[in-house]
Amino acid sequence: MVKMKKLQPFGFLLLMLVLQNTGFAQNREKSQLLTFEAFEAKLQAAGKDAQILDARLPEEYVQNHLEGAVSFSVTQKDDFARETARLNKDKPVFIYSIGNGRSGVLAKELRENGFTDVTEIPGGLSKWIGLGKPVVSTVGKGLSLSDYAASLNSDKLVLVDFGSRYCGSCKRLAPLLIRLKQSRLMF
């Protein structure tokens, strides 16, 4: 039987994750994000006309990205104007980031600049990869599904931390995970 003391930090962690995701949802009109299935169908239907933009940092793009995507991390107004001039406003634009933070900002900016068909990957690249969709990767295979399942097949309480050093939410959550590890309540 798991002691209540062990569940309290886990419950707090779960609450933090829910609140974080709720914050992202409040900053976006729900109608702008398609279901994942609708996104896939739209991307496939666009075929060669699809303009796929990776809104993450160039370093992140090099590590992994969707096939056919271009790195589109623009933080300066001049860069944004130059890069958007290379896009065709009459063709569909598909955008992603880790979740939907940076891609949401980019989608909004593109719409404000006359792009009418702008679609984000719902759940971002993390969901794309989590569902086993293909990516171009330079970092190796990573954890297999069978390895992941085996790590969960334990009598002990297991915390699975999926994150990235580029993820703002992950950085904010890191101190809590460190405290949990140091307290040995969960590990």
N, C-alpha and C. Protein backbone atom coordinates (compact mmCIF):
# COMPACT_ATOMS: atom_id res chain seq x y z
N MET A 1 0.84 -1.18 0.00
CA MET A 1 0.00 0.00 0.00
C MET A 1 0.88 1.24 0.00
N VAL A 2 0.55 2.23 -0.81
CA VAL A 2 1.32 3.45 -0.93
C VAL A 2 0.89 4.40 0.18
N LYS A 3 1.88 4.95 0.86
CA LYS A 3 1.57 5.87 1.95
C LYS A 3 1.07 7.20 1.39
N MET A 4 0.20 7.86 2.15
CA MET A 4 -0.35 9.14 1.73
C MET A 4 0.76 10.17 1.56
N LYS A 5 1.79 10.09 2.37
CA LYS A 5 2.89 11.04 2.29
C LYS A 5 3.54 10.99 0.91
N LYS A 6 3.60 9.82 0.31
CA LYS A 6 4.19 9.68 -1.02
C LYS A 6 3.27 10.25 -2.09
N LEU A 7 1.99 10.21 -1.88
CA LEU A 7 1.05 10.67 -2.89
C LEU A 7 0.92 12.19 -2.91
N GLN A 8 1.15 12.86 -1.78
CA GLN A 8 1.00 14.31 -1.74
C GLN A 8 1.91 15.03 -2.76
N PRO A 9 3.21 14.73 -2.82
CA PRO A 9 4.03 15.40 -3.84
C PRO A 9 3.58 15.05 -5.25
N PHE A 10 3.15 13.82 -5.46
CA PHE A 10 2.70 13.41 -6.79
C PHE A 10 1.44 14.19 -7.16
N GLY A 11 0.53 14.35 -6.23
CA GLY A 11 -0.69 15.12 -6.47
C GLY A 11 -0.36 16.58 -6.77
N PHE A 12 0.60 17.13 -6.03
CA PHE A 12 1.03 18.50 -6.27
C PHE A 12 1.62 18.64 -7.67
N LEU A 13 2.43 17.68 -8.07
CA LEU A 13 3.03 17.68 -9.41
C LEU A 13 1.95 17.61 -10.48
N LEU A 14 0.99 16.73 -10.28
CA LEU A 14 -0.11 16.60 -11.23
C LEU A 14 -0.90 17.90 -11.33
N LEU A 15 -1.17 18.53 -10.20
CA LEU A 15 -1.87 19.80 -10.18
C LEU A 15 -1.09 20.87 -10.94
N MET A 16 0.23 20.91 -10.75
CA MET A 16 1.07 21.88 -11.45
C MET A 16 0.98 21.68 -12.97
N LEU A 17 1.01 20.44 -13.41
CA LEU A 17 0.93 20.15 -14.84
C LEU A 17 -0.41 20.57 -15.42
N VAL A 18 -1.47 20.30 -14.70
CA VAL A 18 -2.81 20.67 -15.16
C VAL A 18 -2.93 22.19 -15.25
N LEU A 19 -2.45 22.90 -14.23
CA LEU A 19 -2.52 24.35 -14.24
C LEU A 19 -1.69 24.94 -15.38
N GLN A 20 -0.53 24.36 -15.63
CA GLN A 20 0.32 24.84 -16.72
C GLN A 20 -0.39 24.69 -18.06
N ASN A 21 -0.97 23.53 -18.30
CA ASN A 21 -1.67 23.29 -19.56
C ASN A 21 -2.91 24.17 -19.68
N THR A 22 -3.57 24.44 -18.58
CA THR A 22 -4.73 25.32 -18.60
C THR A 22 -4.31 26.73 -19.01
N GLY A 23 -3.15 27.17 -18.56
CA GLY A 23 -2.65 28.49 -18.94
C GLY A 23 -2.47 28.61 -20.43
N PHE A 24 -1.92 27.59 -21.06
CA PHE A 24 -1.76 27.62 -22.52
C PHE A 24 -3.11 27.68 -23.20
N ALA A 25 -4.06 26.93 -22.70
CA ALA A 25 -5.38 26.87 -23.34
C ALA A 25 -6.09 28.21 -23.24
N GLN A 26 -5.90 28.93 -22.14
CA GLN A 26 -6.57 30.21 -21.99
C GLN A 26 -6.03 31.26 -22.94
N ASN A 27 -4.80 31.10 -23.40
CA ASN A 27 -4.20 32.08 -24.28
C ASN A 27 -4.50 31.83 -25.75
N ARG A 28 -5.33 30.91 -26.07
CA ARG A 28 -5.58 30.54 -27.46
C ARG A 28 -7.07 30.30 -27.66
N GLU A 29 -7.55 30.71 -28.79
CA GLU A 29 -8.93 30.40 -29.13
C GLU A 29 -8.99 28.91 -29.46
N LYS A 30 -9.88 28.21 -28.82
CA LYS A 30 -9.97 26.76 -29.03
C LYS A 30 -10.26 26.40 -30.49
N SER A 31 -10.98 27.24 -31.18
CA SER A 31 -11.35 26.93 -32.56
C SER A 31 -10.15 26.93 -33.50
N GLN A 32 -9.02 27.52 -33.09
CA GLN A 32 -7.86 27.59 -33.96
C GLN A 32 -7.10 26.27 -34.03
N LEU A 33 -7.23 25.43 -33.04
CA LEU A 33 -6.52 24.16 -33.04
C LEU A 33 -7.44 23.04 -33.50
N LEU A 34 -7.00 22.33 -34.52
CA LEU A 34 -7.76 21.18 -35.01
C LEU A 34 -7.52 19.98 -34.11
N THR A 35 -8.32 18.94 -34.27
CA THR A 35 -7.98 17.68 -33.63
C THR A 35 -6.74 17.16 -34.34
N PHE A 36 -6.04 16.24 -33.71
CA PHE A 36 -4.83 15.71 -34.32
C PHE A 36 -5.15 15.00 -35.63
N GLU A 37 -6.25 14.27 -35.65
CA GLU A 37 -6.65 13.55 -36.86
C GLU A 37 -6.96 14.52 -38.00
N ALA A 38 -7.67 15.61 -37.69
CA ALA A 38 -8.00 16.60 -38.70
C ALA A 38 -6.73 17.30 -39.20
N PHE A 39 -5.80 17.53 -38.29
CA PHE A 39 -4.52 18.13 -38.70
C PHE A 39 -3.80 17.23 -39.69
N GLU A 40 -3.69 15.94 -39.35
CA GLU A 40 -3.01 14.99 -40.24
C GLU A 40 -3.66 14.95 -41.61
N ALA A 41 -4.98 14.91 -41.64
CA ALA A 41 -5.70 14.87 -42.92
C ALA A 41 -5.43 16.13 -43.74
N LYS A 42 -5.43 17.28 -43.08
CA LYS A 42 -5.19 18.54 -43.77
C LYS A 42 -3.76 18.60 -44.31
N LEU A 43 -2.81 18.16 -43.51
CA LEU A 43 -1.41 18.14 -43.94
C LEU A 43 -1.22 17.22 -45.15
N GLN A 44 -1.82 16.05 -45.08
CA GLN A 44 -1.72 15.10 -46.19
C GLN A 44 -2.39 15.66 -47.44
N ALA A 45 -3.54 16.29 -47.29
CA ALA A 45 -4.26 16.85 -48.44
C ALA A 45 -3.47 17.99 -49.09
N ALA A 46 -2.71 18.73 -48.29
CA ALA A 46 -1.93 19.85 -48.84
C ALA A 46 -0.79 19.36 -49.72
N GLY A 47 -0.29 18.16 -49.44
CA GLY A 47 0.78 17.58 -50.26
C GLY A 47 1.97 18.51 -50.42
N LYS A 48 2.39 18.73 -51.66
CA LYS A 48 3.58 19.54 -51.94
C LYS A 48 3.35 21.03 -51.70
N ASP A 49 2.10 21.44 -51.55
CA ASP A 49 1.81 22.84 -51.27
C ASP A 49 2.02 23.20 -49.79
N ALA A 50 2.19 22.21 -48.94
CA ALA A 50 2.35 22.46 -47.51
C ALA A 50 3.66 23.21 -47.24
N GLN A 51 3.54 24.28 -46.50
CA GLN A 51 4.71 25.02 -46.01
C GLN A 51 4.80 24.71 -44.52
N ILE A 52 5.78 23.90 -44.13
CA ILE A 52 5.88 23.43 -42.75
C ILE A 52 6.97 24.22 -42.04
N LEU A 53 6.59 24.90 -40.97
CA LEU A 53 7.51 25.77 -40.24
C LEU A 53 7.77 25.24 -38.83
N ASP A 54 9.02 25.13 -38.46
CA ASP A 54 9.43 24.74 -37.12
C ASP A 54 9.73 26.02 -36.36
N ALA A 55 8.91 26.35 -35.37
CA ALA A 55 9.03 27.61 -34.63
C ALA A 55 10.03 27.53 -33.48
N ARG A 56 10.73 26.42 -33.35
CA ARG A 56 11.70 26.27 -32.27
C ARG A 56 13.04 26.91 -32.66
N LEU A 57 13.99 26.89 -31.76
CA LEU A 57 15.32 27.42 -32.05
C LEU A 57 16.01 26.57 -33.11
N PRO A 58 16.92 27.17 -33.89
CA PRO A 58 17.64 26.38 -34.91
C PRO A 58 18.33 25.14 -34.33
N GLU A 59 18.87 25.24 -33.13
CA GLU A 59 19.52 24.10 -32.48
C GLU A 59 18.53 22.95 -32.26
N GLU A 60 17.31 23.29 -31.88
CA GLU A 60 16.28 22.27 -31.69
C GLU A 60 15.91 21.64 -33.02
N TYR A 61 15.78 22.46 -34.04
CA TYR A 61 15.44 21.97 -35.38
C TYR A 61 16.47 20.94 -35.85
N VAL A 62 17.74 21.23 -35.63
CA VAL A 62 18.80 20.31 -36.07
C VAL A 62 18.65 18.95 -35.38
N GLN A 63 18.23 18.95 -34.13
CA GLN A 63 18.11 17.70 -33.38
C GLN A 63 16.99 16.82 -33.93
N ASN A 64 15.85 17.42 -34.23
CA ASN A 64 14.74 16.66 -34.82
C ASN A 64 13.71 17.63 -35.39
N HIS A 65 13.11 17.21 -36.48
CA HIS A 65 12.09 18.03 -37.12
C HIS A 65 11.27 17.18 -38.07
N LEU A 66 10.14 17.72 -38.47
CA LEU A 66 9.31 17.03 -39.44
C LEU A 66 9.96 17.09 -40.81
N GLU A 67 9.80 16.03 -41.56
CA GLU A 67 10.34 16.01 -42.91
C GLU A 67 9.69 17.13 -43.72
N GLY A 68 10.50 17.88 -44.43
CA GLY A 68 10.00 18.98 -45.25
C GLY A 68 9.87 20.29 -44.50
N ALA A 69 10.10 20.29 -43.19
CA ALA A 69 9.97 21.51 -42.40
C ALA A 69 11.21 22.39 -42.57
N VAL A 70 11.01 23.68 -42.39
CA VAL A 70 12.12 24.62 -42.37
C VAL A 70 12.16 25.29 -41.00
N SER A 71 13.37 25.60 -40.56
CA SER A 71 13.53 26.29 -39.29
C SER A 71 13.01 27.71 -39.46
N PHE A 72 12.14 28.12 -38.58
CA PHE A 72 11.49 29.43 -38.70
C PHE A 72 11.42 30.09 -37.34
N SER A 73 12.55 30.16 -36.66
CA SER A 73 12.61 30.82 -35.37
C SER A 73 13.04 32.26 -35.62
N VAL A 74 12.11 33.17 -35.60
CA VAL A 74 12.42 34.57 -35.87
C VAL A 74 12.06 35.41 -34.66
N THR A 75 13.06 36.07 -34.11
CA THR A 75 12.81 36.90 -32.93
C THR A 75 12.92 38.39 -33.25
N GLN A 76 13.56 38.73 -34.35
CA GLN A 76 13.71 40.12 -34.75
C GLN A 76 12.70 40.47 -35.85
N LYS A 77 12.15 41.67 -35.80
CA LYS A 77 11.15 42.10 -36.79
C LYS A 77 11.71 42.03 -38.21
N ASP A 78 12.95 42.44 -38.39
CA ASP A 78 13.56 42.40 -39.73
C ASP A 78 13.64 40.97 -40.24
N ASP A 79 14.05 40.05 -39.36
CA ASP A 79 14.14 38.63 -39.74
C ASP A 79 12.76 38.10 -40.11
N PHE A 80 11.75 38.47 -39.32
CA PHE A 80 10.40 38.00 -39.58
C PHE A 80 9.93 38.46 -40.95
N ALA A 81 10.14 39.74 -41.26
CA ALA A 81 9.70 40.29 -42.54
C ALA A 81 10.42 39.59 -43.70
N ARG A 82 11.72 39.36 -43.55
CA ARG A 82 12.49 38.71 -44.61
C ARG A 82 12.03 37.27 -44.81
N GLU A 83 11.85 36.54 -43.72
CA GLU A 83 11.48 35.12 -43.82
C GLU A 83 10.04 34.93 -44.32
N THR A 84 9.12 35.77 -43.86
CA THR A 84 7.73 35.63 -44.31
C THR A 84 7.60 36.00 -45.79
N ALA A 85 8.49 36.87 -46.28
CA ALA A 85 8.46 37.23 -47.70
C ALA A 85 8.77 36.02 -48.59
N ARG A 86 9.45 35.03 -48.02
CA ARG A 86 9.79 33.81 -48.77
C ARG A 86 8.62 32.83 -48.85
N LEU A 87 7.60 33.06 -48.03
CA LEU A 87 6.45 32.16 -48.01
C LEU A 87 5.39 32.61 -49.00
N ASN A 88 4.57 31.68 -49.42
CA ASN A 88 3.46 31.97 -50.33
C ASN A 88 2.18 32.07 -49.50
N LYS A 89 1.58 33.25 -49.47
CA LYS A 89 0.37 33.48 -48.67
C LYS A 89 -0.83 32.68 -49.18
N ASP A 90 -0.75 32.18 -50.41
CA ASP A 90 -1.85 31.42 -50.99
C ASP A 90 -1.76 29.93 -50.71
N LYS A 91 -0.67 29.48 -50.09
CA LYS A 91 -0.51 28.06 -49.78
C LYS A 91 -0.64 27.86 -48.27
N PRO A 92 -1.11 26.67 -47.87
CA PRO A 92 -1.30 26.42 -46.43
C PRO A 92 0.03 26.38 -45.67
N VAL A 93 -0.01 26.92 -44.46
CA VAL A 93 1.15 26.95 -43.58
C VAL A 93 0.85 26.07 -42.37
N PHE A 94 1.78 25.18 -42.04
CA PHE A 94 1.66 24.30 -40.88
C PHE A 94 2.81 24.62 -39.94
N ILE A 95 2.50 24.86 -38.68
CA ILE A 95 3.50 25.31 -37.72
C ILE A 95 3.53 24.39 -36.51
N TYR A 96 4.73 24.21 -35.96
CA TYR A 96 4.84 23.47 -34.70
C TYR A 96 5.98 24.01 -33.85
N SER A 97 5.87 23.76 -32.56
CA SER A 97 6.94 23.96 -31.59
C SER A 97 6.85 22.76 -30.65
N ILE A 98 7.46 22.80 -29.50
CA ILE A 98 7.42 21.64 -28.60
C ILE A 98 5.97 21.34 -28.20
N GLY A 99 5.31 22.35 -27.68
CA GLY A 99 3.89 22.24 -27.34
C GLY A 99 3.14 23.08 -28.35
N ASN A 100 2.55 24.15 -27.90
CA ASN A 100 1.96 25.09 -28.84
C ASN A 100 2.24 26.53 -28.43
N GLY A 101 3.25 26.73 -27.60
CA GLY A 101 3.59 28.08 -27.17
C GLY A 101 4.14 28.95 -28.28
N ARG A 102 5.34 28.64 -28.74
CA ARG A 102 5.98 29.46 -29.78
C ARG A 102 5.24 29.35 -31.11
N SER A 103 4.69 28.19 -31.40
CA SER A 103 3.95 28.06 -32.66
C SER A 103 2.68 28.91 -32.63
N GLY A 104 2.07 29.06 -31.47
CA GLY A 104 0.88 29.90 -31.34
C GLY A 104 1.20 31.36 -31.59
N VAL A 105 2.34 31.81 -31.07
CA VAL A 105 2.77 33.19 -31.30
C VAL A 105 3.03 33.42 -32.78
N LEU A 106 3.75 32.48 -33.41
CA LEU A 106 4.06 32.60 -34.83
C LEU A 106 2.79 32.55 -35.68
N ALA A 107 1.87 31.66 -35.34
CA ALA A 107 0.61 31.56 -36.09
C ALA A 107 -0.14 32.87 -36.04
N LYS A 108 -0.20 33.47 -34.88
CA LYS A 108 -0.90 34.75 -34.72
C LYS A 108 -0.23 35.83 -35.57
N GLU A 109 1.09 35.89 -35.55
CA GLU A 109 1.82 36.89 -36.33
C GLU A 109 1.59 36.69 -37.83
N LEU A 110 1.59 35.44 -38.28
CA LEU A 110 1.36 35.18 -39.70
C LEU A 110 -0.05 35.61 -40.10
N ARG A 111 -1.03 35.28 -39.28
CA ARG A 111 -2.41 35.69 -39.59
C ARG A 111 -2.53 37.21 -39.66
N GLU A 112 -1.85 37.89 -38.74
CA GLU A 112 -1.87 39.35 -38.74
C GLU A 112 -1.19 39.93 -39.97
N ASN A 113 -0.35 39.13 -40.63
CA ASN A 113 0.36 39.57 -41.83
C ASN A 113 -0.23 39.01 -43.11
N GLY A 114 -1.51 38.61 -43.06
CA GLY A 114 -2.22 38.26 -44.27
C GLY A 114 -2.24 36.79 -44.66
N PHE A 115 -1.68 35.92 -43.83
CA PHE A 115 -1.75 34.48 -44.12
C PHE A 115 -3.09 33.97 -43.60
N THR A 116 -3.88 33.38 -44.48
CA THR A 116 -5.23 32.98 -44.10
C THR A 116 -5.35 31.51 -43.72
N ASP A 117 -4.45 30.67 -44.22
CA ASP A 117 -4.53 29.24 -43.94
C ASP A 117 -3.33 28.81 -43.11
N VAL A 118 -3.41 29.07 -41.81
CA VAL A 118 -2.33 28.77 -40.86
C VAL A 118 -2.84 27.75 -39.86
N THR A 119 -2.13 26.63 -39.74
CA THR A 119 -2.57 25.54 -38.87
C THR A 119 -1.42 25.07 -38.00
N GLU A 120 -1.69 24.90 -36.70
CA GLU A 120 -0.67 24.38 -35.78
C GLU A 120 -0.90 22.89 -35.56
N ILE A 121 0.18 22.18 -35.28
CA ILE A 121 0.05 20.79 -34.84
C ILE A 121 -0.54 20.84 -33.43
N PRO A 122 -1.73 20.30 -33.23
CA PRO A 122 -2.30 20.31 -31.88
C PRO A 122 -1.45 19.45 -30.95
N GLY A 123 -1.00 20.03 -29.86
CA GLY A 123 -0.13 19.31 -28.94
C GLY A 123 1.34 19.42 -29.30
N GLY A 124 1.63 20.03 -30.44
CA GLY A 124 3.00 20.29 -30.84
C GLY A 124 3.80 19.06 -31.23
N LEU A 125 5.10 19.28 -31.38
CA LEU A 125 6.00 18.20 -31.78
C LEU A 125 6.04 17.09 -30.73
N SER A 126 5.85 17.47 -29.47
CA SER A 126 5.87 16.44 -28.42
C SER A 126 4.75 15.43 -28.62
N LYS A 127 3.57 15.89 -29.01
CA LYS A 127 2.47 14.95 -29.27
C LYS A 127 2.75 14.15 -30.54
N TRP A 128 3.26 14.81 -31.57
CA TRP A 128 3.60 14.16 -32.83
C TRP A 128 4.54 12.97 -32.56
N ILE A 129 5.60 13.23 -31.83
CA ILE A 129 6.57 12.19 -31.51
C ILE A 129 5.95 11.15 -30.58
N GLY A 130 5.18 11.61 -29.60
CA GLY A 130 4.54 10.71 -28.66
C GLY A 130 3.59 9.72 -29.32
N LEU A 131 3.01 10.12 -30.44
CA LEU A 131 2.12 9.23 -31.17
C LEU A 131 2.88 8.35 -32.17
N GLY A 132 4.21 8.45 -32.15
CA GLY A 132 5.02 7.60 -33.02
C GLY A 132 5.10 8.07 -34.46
N LYS A 133 4.80 9.34 -34.69
CA LYS A 133 4.87 9.88 -36.05
C LYS A 133 6.33 10.11 -36.42
N PRO A 134 6.65 10.06 -37.72
CA PRO A 134 8.06 10.14 -38.13
C PRO A 134 8.66 11.55 -38.00
N VAL A 135 9.93 11.58 -37.64
CA VAL A 135 10.70 12.82 -37.61
C VAL A 135 12.10 12.54 -38.17
N VAL A 136 12.72 13.58 -38.66
CA VAL A 136 14.12 13.51 -39.04
C VAL A 136 14.89 13.80 -37.76
N SER A 137 15.78 12.89 -37.35
CA SER A 137 16.46 13.04 -36.07
C SER A 137 17.96 12.84 -36.20
N THR A 138 18.70 13.63 -35.46
CA THR A 138 20.16 13.47 -35.40
C THR A 138 20.61 13.03 -34.01
N VAL A 139 19.67 12.81 -33.10
CA VAL A 139 20.03 12.52 -31.72
C VAL A 139 19.89 11.04 -31.36
N GLY A 140 19.54 10.22 -32.29
CA GLY A 140 19.43 8.80 -32.00
C GLY A 140 18.00 8.38 -31.75
N LYS A 141 17.88 7.12 -31.46
CA LYS A 141 16.57 6.50 -31.36
C LYS A 141 15.79 6.88 -30.10
N GLY A 142 16.49 7.08 -29.00
CA GLY A 142 15.80 7.42 -27.76
C GLY A 142 15.21 6.20 -27.08
N LEU A 143 14.30 6.42 -26.17
CA LEU A 143 13.67 5.37 -25.39
C LEU A 143 12.59 4.69 -26.23
N SER A 144 12.69 3.38 -26.32
CA SER A 144 11.68 2.65 -27.09
C SER A 144 10.40 2.50 -26.26
N LEU A 145 9.32 2.23 -26.94
CA LEU A 145 8.05 2.05 -26.26
C LEU A 145 8.11 0.86 -25.31
N SER A 146 8.79 -0.20 -25.72
CA SER A 146 8.90 -1.38 -24.84
C SER A 146 9.75 -1.07 -23.60
N ASP A 147 10.81 -0.28 -23.76
CA ASP A 147 11.62 0.13 -22.60
C ASP A 147 10.80 1.00 -21.65
N TYR A 148 10.03 1.90 -22.23
CA TYR A 148 9.17 2.77 -21.43
C TYR A 148 8.16 1.94 -20.65
N ALA A 149 7.51 0.99 -21.33
CA ALA A 149 6.51 0.13 -20.68
C ALA A 149 7.15 -0.69 -19.57
N ALA A 150 8.36 -1.18 -19.82
CA ALA A 150 9.05 -1.98 -18.80
C ALA A 150 9.37 -1.14 -17.56
N SER A 151 9.72 0.13 -17.76
CA SER A 151 10.03 0.98 -16.61
C SER A 151 8.79 1.26 -15.77
N LEU A 152 7.63 1.20 -16.38
CA LEU A 152 6.39 1.44 -15.64
C LEU A 152 5.88 0.18 -14.95
N ASN A 153 6.39 -0.97 -15.35
CA ASN A 153 5.96 -2.24 -14.78
C ASN A 153 6.73 -2.52 -13.49
N SER A 154 6.37 -1.77 -12.46
CA SER A 154 7.07 -1.86 -11.20
C SER A 154 6.07 -1.71 -10.06
N ASP A 155 6.42 -2.28 -8.91
CA ASP A 155 5.59 -2.11 -7.73
C ASP A 155 5.80 -0.75 -7.09
N LYS A 156 6.87 -0.08 -7.48
CA LYS A 156 7.19 1.23 -6.93
C LYS A 156 6.46 2.31 -7.71
N LEU A 157 6.27 3.42 -7.05
CA LEU A 157 5.70 4.59 -7.71
C LEU A 157 6.74 5.13 -8.68
N VAL A 158 6.35 5.35 -9.93
CA VAL A 158 7.28 5.79 -10.96
C VAL A 158 6.84 7.15 -11.47
N LEU A 159 7.79 8.07 -11.56
CA LEU A 159 7.53 9.37 -12.14
C LEU A 159 8.27 9.42 -13.47
N VAL A 160 7.53 9.63 -14.53
CA VAL A 160 8.14 9.74 -15.86
C VAL A 160 8.17 11.22 -16.21
N ASP A 161 9.36 11.73 -16.42
CA ASP A 161 9.54 13.15 -16.71
C ASP A 161 9.96 13.31 -18.17
N PHE A 162 9.04 13.79 -19.01
CA PHE A 162 9.34 14.09 -20.39
C PHE A 162 9.61 15.58 -20.46
N GLY A 163 10.75 15.97 -20.93
CA GLY A 163 11.05 17.38 -20.97
C GLY A 163 12.15 17.70 -21.95
N SER A 164 12.49 18.94 -21.97
CA SER A 164 13.52 19.44 -22.86
C SER A 164 14.15 20.66 -22.23
N ARG A 165 15.40 20.87 -22.48
CA ARG A 165 16.04 22.06 -21.93
C ARG A 165 15.53 23.32 -22.60
N TYR A 166 14.77 23.19 -23.67
CA TYR A 166 14.22 24.32 -24.39
C TYR A 166 12.80 24.65 -23.93
N CYS A 167 12.23 23.80 -23.15
CA CYS A 167 10.83 23.92 -22.73
C CYS A 167 10.73 24.80 -21.48
N GLY A 168 10.06 25.95 -21.61
CA GLY A 168 9.91 26.85 -20.47
C GLY A 168 9.17 26.21 -19.31
N SER A 169 8.12 25.48 -19.59
CA SER A 169 7.35 24.80 -18.54
C SER A 169 8.21 23.76 -17.84
N CYS A 170 9.03 23.06 -18.63
CA CYS A 170 9.91 22.03 -18.05
C CYS A 170 10.92 22.67 -17.11
N LYS A 171 11.44 23.83 -17.48
CA LYS A 171 12.42 24.53 -16.63
C LYS A 171 11.77 24.96 -15.32
N ARG A 172 10.52 25.41 -15.39
CA ARG A 172 9.83 25.83 -14.16
C ARG A 172 9.51 24.64 -13.26
N LEU A 173 9.33 23.49 -13.84
CA LEU A 173 9.00 22.29 -13.07
C LEU A 173 10.25 21.62 -12.49
N ALA A 174 11.42 21.88 -13.07
CA ALA A 174 12.66 21.22 -12.66
C ALA A 174 12.96 21.32 -11.16
N PRO A 175 12.84 22.50 -10.53
CA PRO A 175 13.14 22.57 -9.09
C PRO A 175 12.26 21.63 -8.25
N LEU A 176 11.01 21.48 -8.63
CA LEU A 176 10.12 20.57 -7.91
C LEU A 176 10.60 19.14 -8.05
N LEU A 177 10.98 18.75 -9.25
CA LEU A 177 11.48 17.38 -9.46
C LEU A 177 12.76 17.13 -8.68
N ILE A 178 13.62 18.14 -8.62
CA ILE A 178 14.86 18.00 -7.85
C ILE A 178 14.54 17.82 -6.37
N ARG A 179 13.61 18.62 -5.86
CA ARG A 179 13.22 18.48 -4.44
C ARG A 179 12.61 17.11 -4.17
N LEU A 180 11.79 16.62 -5.08
CA LEU A 180 11.20 15.30 -4.90
C LEU A 180 12.28 14.23 -4.87
N LYS A 181 13.23 14.34 -5.77
CA LYS A 181 14.32 13.36 -5.81
C LYS A 181 15.14 13.42 -4.54
N GLN A 182 15.45 14.61 -4.06
CA GLN A 182 16.24 14.77 -2.84
C GLN A 182 15.50 14.26 -1.61
N SER A 183 14.19 14.40 -1.61
CA SER A 183 13.41 13.93 -0.46
C SER A 183 13.21 12.42 -0.49
N ARG A 184 13.47 11.83 -1.65
CA ARG A 184 13.35 10.39 -1.85
C ARG A 184 11.92 9.87 -1.59
N LEU A 185 10.98 10.78 -1.66
CA LEU A 185 9.59 10.38 -1.48
C LEU A 185 9.09 9.58 -2.67
N MET A 186 9.67 9.86 -3.83
CA MET A 186 9.16 9.20 -5.01
C MET A 186 10.18 8.31 -5.68
N PHE A 187 11.44 8.41 -5.32
CA PHE A 187 12.46 7.69 -6.08
C PHE A 187 13.20 6.68 -5.24
